[in-house]
Protein backbone atom coordinates (compact mmCIF):
# COMPACT_ATOMS: atom_id res chain seq x y z
CA MET A 1 0.17 0.25 0.12
CA ARG A 2 3.03 2.34 0.99
CA ILE A 3 4.50 1.78 -3.24
CA TRP A 4 0.77 2.97 -4.52
CA LYS A 5 0.72 6.25 -2.24
CA GLN A 6 4.20 6.94 -3.37
CA ALA A 7 3.61 6.27 -6.92
CA ILE A 8 0.09 8.25 -6.72
CA VAL A 9 2.24 11.53 -4.84
CA SER A 10 5.14 11.46 -7.77
CA LEU A 11 2.24 11.39 -10.37
CA VAL A 12 1.11 14.48 -8.56
CA LEU A 13 4.18 16.28 -8.44
CA LEU A 14 4.94 15.71 -11.84
CA SER A 15 1.36 16.51 -13.30
CA THR A 16 2.21 19.54 -11.23
CA ALA A 17 5.14 20.37 -12.72
CA ALA A 18 3.90 19.84 -16.41
CA VAL A 19 1.67 22.41 -16.03
CA LEU A 20 3.80 25.24 -14.03
CA TRP A 21 6.15 24.22 -17.30
CA ALA A 22 3.62 24.60 -19.88
CA ARG A 23 1.69 27.86 -18.09
CA TYR A 24 5.26 29.70 -16.90
CA PHE A 25 8.22 28.50 -19.31
CA PRO A 26 8.50 30.40 -22.70
CA GLY A 27 7.63 28.98 -25.51
CA ALA A 28 6.00 25.95 -24.33
CA ALA A 29 2.94 26.46 -25.83
CA GLU A 30 4.75 26.00 -29.40
CA LEU A 31 6.73 22.80 -28.30
CA LEU A 32 3.51 21.17 -27.18
CA GLU A 33 1.62 22.34 -30.27
CA ARG A 34 4.53 20.81 -32.62
CA ALA A 35 4.23 17.77 -30.75
CA GLY A 36 0.53 17.69 -31.66
CA ILE A 37 -0.82 18.15 -27.88
CA THR A 38 -3.32 21.47 -27.42
CA ALA A 39 -1.95 23.39 -24.90
CA VAL A 40 -4.43 24.68 -21.93
CA SER A 41 -4.16 27.88 -20.47
CA VAL A 42 -4.03 27.28 -16.63
CA GLU A 43 -3.85 30.34 -15.33
CA PRO A 44 -5.61 31.18 -12.12
CA ALA A 45 -9.36 31.91 -12.47
CA ARG A 46 -8.43 35.60 -11.43
CA ALA A 47 -11.02 37.85 -11.91
CA GLU A 48 -12.55 41.22 -11.86
CA ARG A 49 -16.09 42.24 -10.61
CA THR A 50 -18.28 43.42 -13.71
CA ALA A 51 -20.68 45.82 -13.23
CA GLU A 52 -23.60 42.89 -12.40
CA GLY A 53 -21.60 41.18 -9.55
CA GLN A 54 -20.08 38.57 -12.32
CA GLN A 55 -16.13 37.59 -12.59
CA GLY A 56 -14.98 37.93 -16.10
CA PRO A 57 -10.95 36.59 -16.82
CA ARG A 58 -8.43 39.48 -15.92
CA VAL A 59 -6.33 40.41 -19.56
CA PRO A 60 -2.22 40.38 -18.38
CA VAL A 61 -0.80 43.62 -18.25
CA VAL A 62 2.30 43.88 -19.95
CA LEU A 63 5.24 46.97 -20.63
CA GLY A 64 6.16 48.17 -24.16
CA ALA A 65 8.75 50.56 -26.00
CA PRO A 66 8.25 51.65 -29.43
CA VAL A 67 9.95 50.67 -32.22
CA VAL A 68 12.41 53.32 -33.19
CA GLU A 69 14.76 53.70 -36.72
CA ALA A 70 18.82 53.74 -35.82
CA ARG A 71 21.30 53.43 -38.35
CA ILE A 72 23.70 51.03 -38.19
CA ASN A 73 27.52 52.45 -37.50
CA ASP A 74 29.95 50.60 -39.58
CA SER A 75 33.88 50.85 -38.58
CA VAL A 76 36.83 49.17 -39.59
CA SER A 77 39.57 48.65 -37.84
CA ALA A 78 43.69 48.59 -38.64
CA ILE A 79 47.29 48.65 -38.15
CA GLY A 80 49.20 51.50 -39.61
CA ASP A 81 52.61 52.37 -39.64
CA GLY A 82 53.74 56.36 -39.35
CA ARG A 83 56.16 58.34 -40.56
CA ALA A 84 56.97 61.98 -41.08
CA ALA A 85 55.39 64.20 -43.43
CA ARG A 86 58.76 64.43 -45.16
CA SER A 87 61.89 62.37 -43.83
CA VAL A 88 65.29 62.12 -46.12
CA SER A 89 68.82 60.66 -45.38
CA VAL A 90 71.51 63.57 -46.21
CA THR A 91 74.09 62.72 -48.33
CA PRO A 92 76.96 64.90 -49.94
CA TYR A 93 77.22 66.17 -53.72
CA VAL A 94 80.75 65.56 -54.03
CA SER A 95 83.98 64.05 -52.27
CA GLY A 96 86.00 64.84 -48.81
CA ARG A 97 86.95 65.44 -46.00
CA VAL A 98 85.05 65.93 -43.01
CA VAL A 99 86.17 69.77 -41.26
CA ALA A 100 83.41 70.56 -39.27
CA ILE A 101 79.86 69.61 -37.78
CA GLU A 102 77.39 72.50 -37.57
CA VAL A 103 74.52 70.61 -35.55
CA ALA A 104 74.04 67.89 -33.37
CA ALA A 105 71.27 64.89 -32.85
CA GLY A 106 68.01 66.00 -31.98
CA ASP A 107 68.72 69.76 -32.91
CA TYR A 108 65.82 71.48 -34.93
CA VAL A 109 67.18 73.63 -38.01
CA PRO A 110 65.33 75.44 -40.87
CA ALA A 111 65.83 74.69 -44.70
CA GLY A 112 69.45 75.52 -45.84
CA ALA A 113 70.89 75.57 -42.10
CA PRO A 114 74.75 74.05 -42.52
CA LEU A 115 74.66 70.41 -41.48
CA VAL A 116 78.29 69.73 -41.88
CA ARG A 117 81.63 71.39 -43.89
CA LEU A 118 83.93 69.28 -46.19
CA ASP A 119 87.48 70.62 -47.05
CA SER A 120 87.27 73.08 -49.40
CA ASP A 121 90.66 74.62 -50.10
CA GLY A 122 90.81 73.98 -53.83
CA GLU A 123 87.68 74.95 -54.37
CA GLU A 124 88.14 78.40 -52.78
CA ILE A 125 91.43 78.72 -55.19
CA GLU A 126 89.59 77.87 -58.36
CA LEU A 127 86.94 80.37 -57.07
CA ASP A 128 89.70 83.23 -56.97
CA ARG A 129 91.29 81.93 -60.17
CA ALA A 130 87.98 82.32 -61.87
CA ARG A 131 87.16 85.97 -60.18
CA LEU A 132 90.45 86.96 -61.91
CA THR A 133 89.95 85.22 -64.92
CA LEU A 134 86.30 87.29 -65.25
CA ALA A 135 88.27 90.71 -64.20
CA ASP A 136 90.89 90.15 -67.28
CA ALA A 137 88.08 89.56 -69.82
CA GLU A 138 85.68 92.36 -68.65
CA ALA A 139 89.18 94.44 -68.97
CA THR A 140 89.72 93.22 -72.46
CA LEU A 141 86.52 93.99 -73.81
CA GLU A 142 86.15 97.08 -72.38
CA ARG A 143 89.30 98.01 -74.40
CA ASP A 144 88.16 96.34 -77.31
CA GLN A 145 85.04 98.28 -76.96
CA ARG A 146 87.12 101.91 -76.99
CA LEU A 147 88.94 100.60 -80.44
CA VAL A 148 86.08 99.02 -82.42
CA ARG A 149 85.48 103.01 -82.47
CA SER A 150 88.34 103.93 -84.32
CA GLN A 151 88.38 100.77 -86.10
CA ALA A 152 91.81 99.56 -84.61
CA VAL A 153 90.03 96.48 -83.91
CA SER A 154 87.31 94.10 -85.36
CA GLU A 155 84.00 93.20 -85.27
CA LEU A 156 85.33 89.76 -84.93
CA GLN A 157 87.91 90.84 -82.08
CA LEU A 158 85.06 92.41 -80.61
CA ARG A 159 82.87 89.76 -80.88
CA ALA A 160 85.88 86.94 -79.63
CA ALA A 161 86.14 88.97 -76.76
CA GLN A 162 82.53 89.01 -75.61
CA LEU A 163 82.79 85.41 -75.52
CA ALA A 164 85.35 85.19 -73.21
CA ARG A 165 84.04 87.55 -70.67
CA ASP A 166 80.82 85.28 -70.90
CA GLN A 167 82.85 82.13 -70.28
CA ALA A 168 85.27 83.72 -67.39
CA GLU A 169 81.61 84.88 -65.73
CA LEU A 170 80.71 80.61 -66.29
CA ALA A 171 83.67 79.77 -65.00
CA LEU A 172 82.79 82.07 -62.00
CA ARG A 173 79.33 80.66 -61.43
CA ASP A 174 80.75 76.97 -61.37
CA ALA A 175 84.05 77.62 -59.49
CA GLU A 176 80.79 78.91 -56.38
CA LEU A 177 79.10 75.75 -56.73
CA ALA A 178 81.51 73.80 -56.12
CA LEU A 179 82.38 75.95 -53.23
CA GLU A 180 79.23 75.97 -52.33
CA ARG A 181 78.59 72.23 -52.50
CA ARG A 182 81.37 71.83 -49.84
CA VAL A 183 78.83 72.76 -47.36
CA ILE A 184 75.79 70.07 -46.63
CA ARG A 185 72.60 71.65 -45.90
CA ALA A 186 69.04 71.22 -44.97
CA PRO A 187 66.62 70.91 -47.21
CA PHE A 188 63.90 71.68 -45.39
CA ASP A 189 62.62 72.44 -41.90
CA GLY A 190 63.03 69.59 -39.24
CA TRP A 191 64.91 67.57 -36.32
CA VAL A 192 68.14 66.23 -37.21
CA GLY A 193 68.92 62.64 -36.98
CA ILE A 194 71.85 60.87 -35.18
CA LEU A 195 75.20 61.69 -37.13
CA GLY A 196 76.45 59.24 -39.42
CA VAL A 197 80.05 61.12 -39.61
CA ASP A 198 82.93 62.20 -37.57
CA ILE A 199 85.47 65.26 -37.93
CA GLY A 200 88.37 63.69 -40.46
CA ASP A 201 85.65 61.03 -42.28
CA GLN A 202 86.34 60.27 -45.45
CA VAL A 203 82.52 60.54 -47.31
CA THR A 204 81.26 60.31 -50.83
CA SER A 205 77.97 60.80 -52.69
CA ALA A 206 76.84 57.84 -51.28
CA THR A 207 77.56 58.54 -48.01
CA GLU A 208 75.00 58.99 -45.38
CA VAL A 209 76.28 61.91 -42.67
CA ALA A 210 72.51 62.77 -41.22
CA THR A 211 68.43 62.20 -40.90
CA LEU A 212 66.07 64.90 -40.87
CA ASP A 213 62.54 64.91 -40.67
CA ASP A 214 59.59 67.05 -40.66
CA ARG A 215 57.59 65.75 -38.09
CA SER A 216 54.86 68.15 -37.71
CA HIS A 217 52.78 65.68 -39.09
CA ILE A 218 52.68 62.23 -39.26
CA LEU A 219 51.72 59.89 -41.68
CA VAL A 220 49.82 56.81 -41.08
CA ASP A 221 49.56 53.83 -44.33
CA PHE A 222 47.45 51.46 -42.85
CA ARG A 223 44.72 49.06 -45.28
CA VAL A 224 40.68 49.02 -45.78
CA PRO A 225 38.71 46.25 -46.94
CA GLU A 226 37.35 46.73 -50.32
CA ARG A 227 33.73 47.11 -49.49
CA PHE A 228 34.59 50.22 -48.04
CA VAL A 229 35.63 51.59 -51.12
CA GLY A 230 32.85 53.64 -51.90
CA GLN A 231 33.26 55.61 -48.96
CA LEU A 232 36.27 56.92 -48.57
CA LYS A 233 37.71 59.89 -49.65
CA ALA A 234 40.48 62.78 -48.87
CA GLY A 235 39.33 64.45 -45.69
CA ALA A 236 37.65 61.16 -43.78
CA PRO A 237 38.45 61.43 -40.52
CA VAL A 238 39.91 58.86 -38.54
CA SER A 239 40.81 58.08 -35.08
CA ALA A 240 44.40 57.14 -34.03
CA ARG A 241 46.36 55.36 -31.00
CA PRO A 242 49.91 55.28 -30.80
CA LEU A 243 49.96 51.47 -29.67
CA ALA A 244 53.32 52.70 -27.63
CA LEU A 245 50.74 55.06 -25.77
CA PRO A 246 47.77 53.50 -25.31
CA GLY A 247 46.26 56.39 -23.55
CA LEU A 248 47.10 58.78 -25.98
CA ASP A 249 43.85 59.54 -28.66
CA LEU A 250 44.13 61.78 -31.85
CA THR A 251 42.16 62.53 -34.23
CA GLY A 252 43.35 63.25 -37.87
CA GLU A 253 42.09 63.21 -41.46
CA VAL A 254 42.76 60.66 -45.03
CA VAL A 255 45.15 62.70 -47.13
CA THR A 256 45.46 60.07 -50.20
CA VAL A 257 43.74 57.06 -51.13
CA ASP A 258 45.30 54.43 -52.68
CA SER A 259 44.45 54.11 -56.89
CA ARG A 260 43.89 50.62 -57.08
CA ILE A 261 42.96 47.60 -54.68
CA SER A 262 45.68 44.55 -53.87
CA ALA A 263 44.82 40.90 -55.75
CA ASP A 264 46.21 39.13 -52.56
CA THR A 265 44.41 41.12 -49.81
CA ARG A 266 41.31 42.99 -51.37
CA THR A 267 42.49 45.90 -49.39
CA LEU A 268 43.02 49.52 -50.02
CA ARG A 269 45.69 50.97 -48.85
CA VAL A 270 44.83 54.49 -47.21
CA ARG A 271 47.09 57.17 -45.81
CA ALA A 272 46.14 59.52 -42.79
CA SER A 273 48.22 62.41 -41.29
CA LEU A 274 48.00 63.23 -38.03
CA ASP A 275 49.20 66.54 -36.13
CA ASN A 276 52.23 66.60 -33.99
CA ALA A 277 52.21 69.86 -33.03
CA ASP A 278 53.18 68.99 -29.13
CA ASP A 279 55.93 66.62 -30.94
CA VAL A 280 55.11 63.14 -29.13
CA LEU A 281 54.89 61.31 -32.61
CA ARG A 282 58.00 59.58 -34.27
CA ALA A 283 58.17 58.49 -37.14
CA GLY A 284 58.29 54.28 -37.17
CA MET A 285 55.65 54.19 -34.54
CA ALA A 286 51.93 51.84 -34.79
CA PHE A 287 49.23 53.35 -34.58
CA SER A 288 45.37 51.32 -34.38
CA ILE A 289 43.57 52.73 -36.40
CA THR A 290 39.44 53.40 -36.89
CA MET A 291 37.33 54.72 -38.87
CA ARG A 292 33.63 55.20 -39.07
CA PHE A 293 30.91 54.95 -42.38
CA PRO A 294 27.09 55.72 -41.68
CA GLY A 295 25.61 52.45 -42.84
CA ASP A 296 21.80 51.76 -43.71
CA VAL A 297 18.99 52.49 -41.50
CA PHE A 298 16.91 49.76 -39.41
CA ALA A 299 14.35 48.78 -37.04
CA ALA A 300 16.19 49.64 -33.10
CA VAL A 301 14.18 47.93 -30.14
CA ASP A 302 14.54 47.59 -26.71
CA PRO A 303 17.19 44.43 -25.93
CA LEU A 304 14.60 43.24 -23.35
CA ALA A 305 12.23 42.43 -25.52
CA ILE A 306 14.23 40.48 -27.75
CA GLN A 307 13.22 36.65 -27.08
CA TRP A 308 14.27 33.36 -29.03
CA ASN A 309 12.69 29.91 -29.28
CA ALA A 310 14.13 26.99 -32.26
CA ALA A 311 12.75 29.64 -34.79
CA GLY A 312 15.11 31.71 -33.96
CA ALA A 313 14.51 35.79 -32.16
CA TYR A 314 11.35 37.21 -31.82
CA VAL A 315 9.96 39.87 -30.72
CA TRP A 316 5.50 40.45 -29.22
CA ILE A 317 3.63 42.66 -30.53
CA SER A 318 0.07 43.62 -29.92
CA ASP A 319 -2.16 42.66 -33.54
CA ALA A 320 -5.40 44.01 -32.63
CA GLY A 321 -5.30 43.77 -29.22
CA VAL A 322 -4.31 39.73 -29.29
CA ALA A 323 -0.38 38.80 -28.73
CA LYS A 324 1.66 38.00 -31.91
CA GLN A 325 4.88 37.36 -32.50
CA VAL A 326 6.94 38.78 -35.13
CA PRO A 327 10.05 37.18 -35.89
CA VAL A 328 13.81 39.11 -36.14
CA ARG A 329 17.02 39.32 -37.46
CA ILE A 330 19.66 40.60 -35.55
CA VAL A 331 21.67 42.98 -37.71
CA GLN A 332 23.82 44.60 -34.16
CA ARG A 333 23.39 45.31 -31.06
CA ASN A 334 24.24 48.13 -29.33
CA ASN A 335 23.69 49.13 -25.56
CA ASP A 336 20.80 50.70 -25.33
CA ALA A 337 18.82 48.98 -28.32
CA VAL A 338 19.02 46.30 -31.02
CA LEU A 339 18.80 46.81 -34.47
CA VAL A 340 17.23 44.31 -36.40
CA ASP A 341 15.78 43.42 -39.56
CA ALA A 342 12.16 42.95 -39.03
CA ASP A 343 8.62 43.81 -40.41
CA LEU A 344 8.18 46.37 -37.69
CA ALA A 345 6.92 50.08 -38.43
CA PRO A 346 8.55 52.87 -36.29
CA GLY A 347 6.30 53.43 -33.96
CA THR A 348 4.94 50.00 -32.91
CA VAL A 349 4.78 48.95 -29.58
CA VAL A 350 6.90 45.80 -28.60
CA VAL A 351 6.29 43.85 -25.34
CA THR A 352 9.52 44.42 -22.54
CA GLN A 353 8.41 43.02 -19.52
CA GLY A 354 5.65 40.31 -19.03
CA VAL A 355 6.46 37.95 -21.90
CA GLN A 356 5.42 34.87 -19.75
CA MET A 357 2.20 35.73 -20.15
CA LEU A 358 1.77 35.99 -23.44
CA ARG A 359 0.39 33.49 -25.55
CA PRO A 360 0.12 33.32 -29.36
CA GLY A 361 -3.56 34.78 -30.17
CA ALA A 362 -4.27 35.53 -26.94
CA PRO A 363 -5.57 38.84 -25.85
CA PHE A 364 -3.46 41.52 -23.57
CA ARG A 365 -3.65 44.72 -22.58
CA PHE A 366 -0.09 47.32 -22.05
CA GLU A 367 0.01 49.87 -19.23
CA GLY A 368 -2.24 52.52 -19.07
CA GLU A 369 -4.69 51.64 -21.90
CA ALA A 370 -7.81 50.77 -21.02
CA PRO A 371 -8.87 47.30 -20.05
CA PRO A 372 -11.02 45.64 -22.76
CA ALA A 373 -15.07 46.31 -22.55
CA THR A 374 -15.52 42.63 -20.51
CA ALA A 375 -13.15 43.35 -18.10
CA ARG A 376 -14.34 46.13 -16.80
CA GLY A 377 -17.83 45.50 -17.33
CA ASP A 378 -19.10 47.92 -19.56
CA LEU A 379 -21.44 45.52 -20.81
CA PRO A 380 -24.95 46.58 -21.51
CA ARG A 381 -26.92 45.39 -19.02
CA PRO A 382 -29.84 42.70 -20.26
CA SER A 383 -33.12 44.35 -20.64
CA PRO A 384 -35.90 42.86 -17.78
CA THR A 385 -38.04 40.80 -20.04
């Protein structure tokens, strides 16, 4: 007899658990219907008094939020290599011996400032000789110009004197240029790197004597997937963060977009410029680059409205006062909303709280809405017979 009592108690507990599962578990009705079992509502017979003193069924009250439109934010992140706006390895025009170094590593120099001087004794002698030659040629030309009037000098001799004077001028310019090239100067404003020579070193036109960087702006090259090609243009904003300085957030803009897409990586090279007025950045730094692009417009719903069943994600809406499931495809999750691809018009109210009380086709109302007439007791009194 004890075994039968235990069996009955177990059966009652299992039946109660099944009823509670069918009543409160989201999606239980759908699972029962797929199994061929008709779900029976087991909601307690709570009721409200009608005008006749009778009790009617209570309609569930839920909370909701309207659907709005939002634009998806497409973004791309990449690692880029930085370089100075202008950078050069300074080499001499000619061979020679270093006799003076005018700068030190780390100095800022203007364009044309002398960096290194080479021995120039021979060039100075040639310059003096060219000056003497020019002075003699000018004196000869002046004398022939006076004598040609008295026909003591022919026109041919005068033209030869003029040619000699012109050649002497060219020789002087050549000597001045040769002397000038014994001084190695900065080609533009910039910062001097570590010098590669010392006084007394013999250098050639292939010797790197110094490096010069104009780092007033840092150029960063990075790559962007080809699907963003139509949205890339000069002047587009970028966000950058040096990997060596993770707490430093920078903004810049695109200055150049490459003309072709790499067939190997299906990416496009882009160059951005970052202002470096504080001189905290250096050429060769690695940067984390982020670009944001405006995307398409989608319906945005409250995150609490998203529900799941075996078929996927869905939301509850009111269809003429009864519950209806609308399938959705999640496009993007944000902190305050979920962008979905669904048949939801802006302004449609979706259920955010109380979804456990809803069943497809069952009536319900949102908080703040007036209850149905049958629940308020607004049915007309029957006329006395």
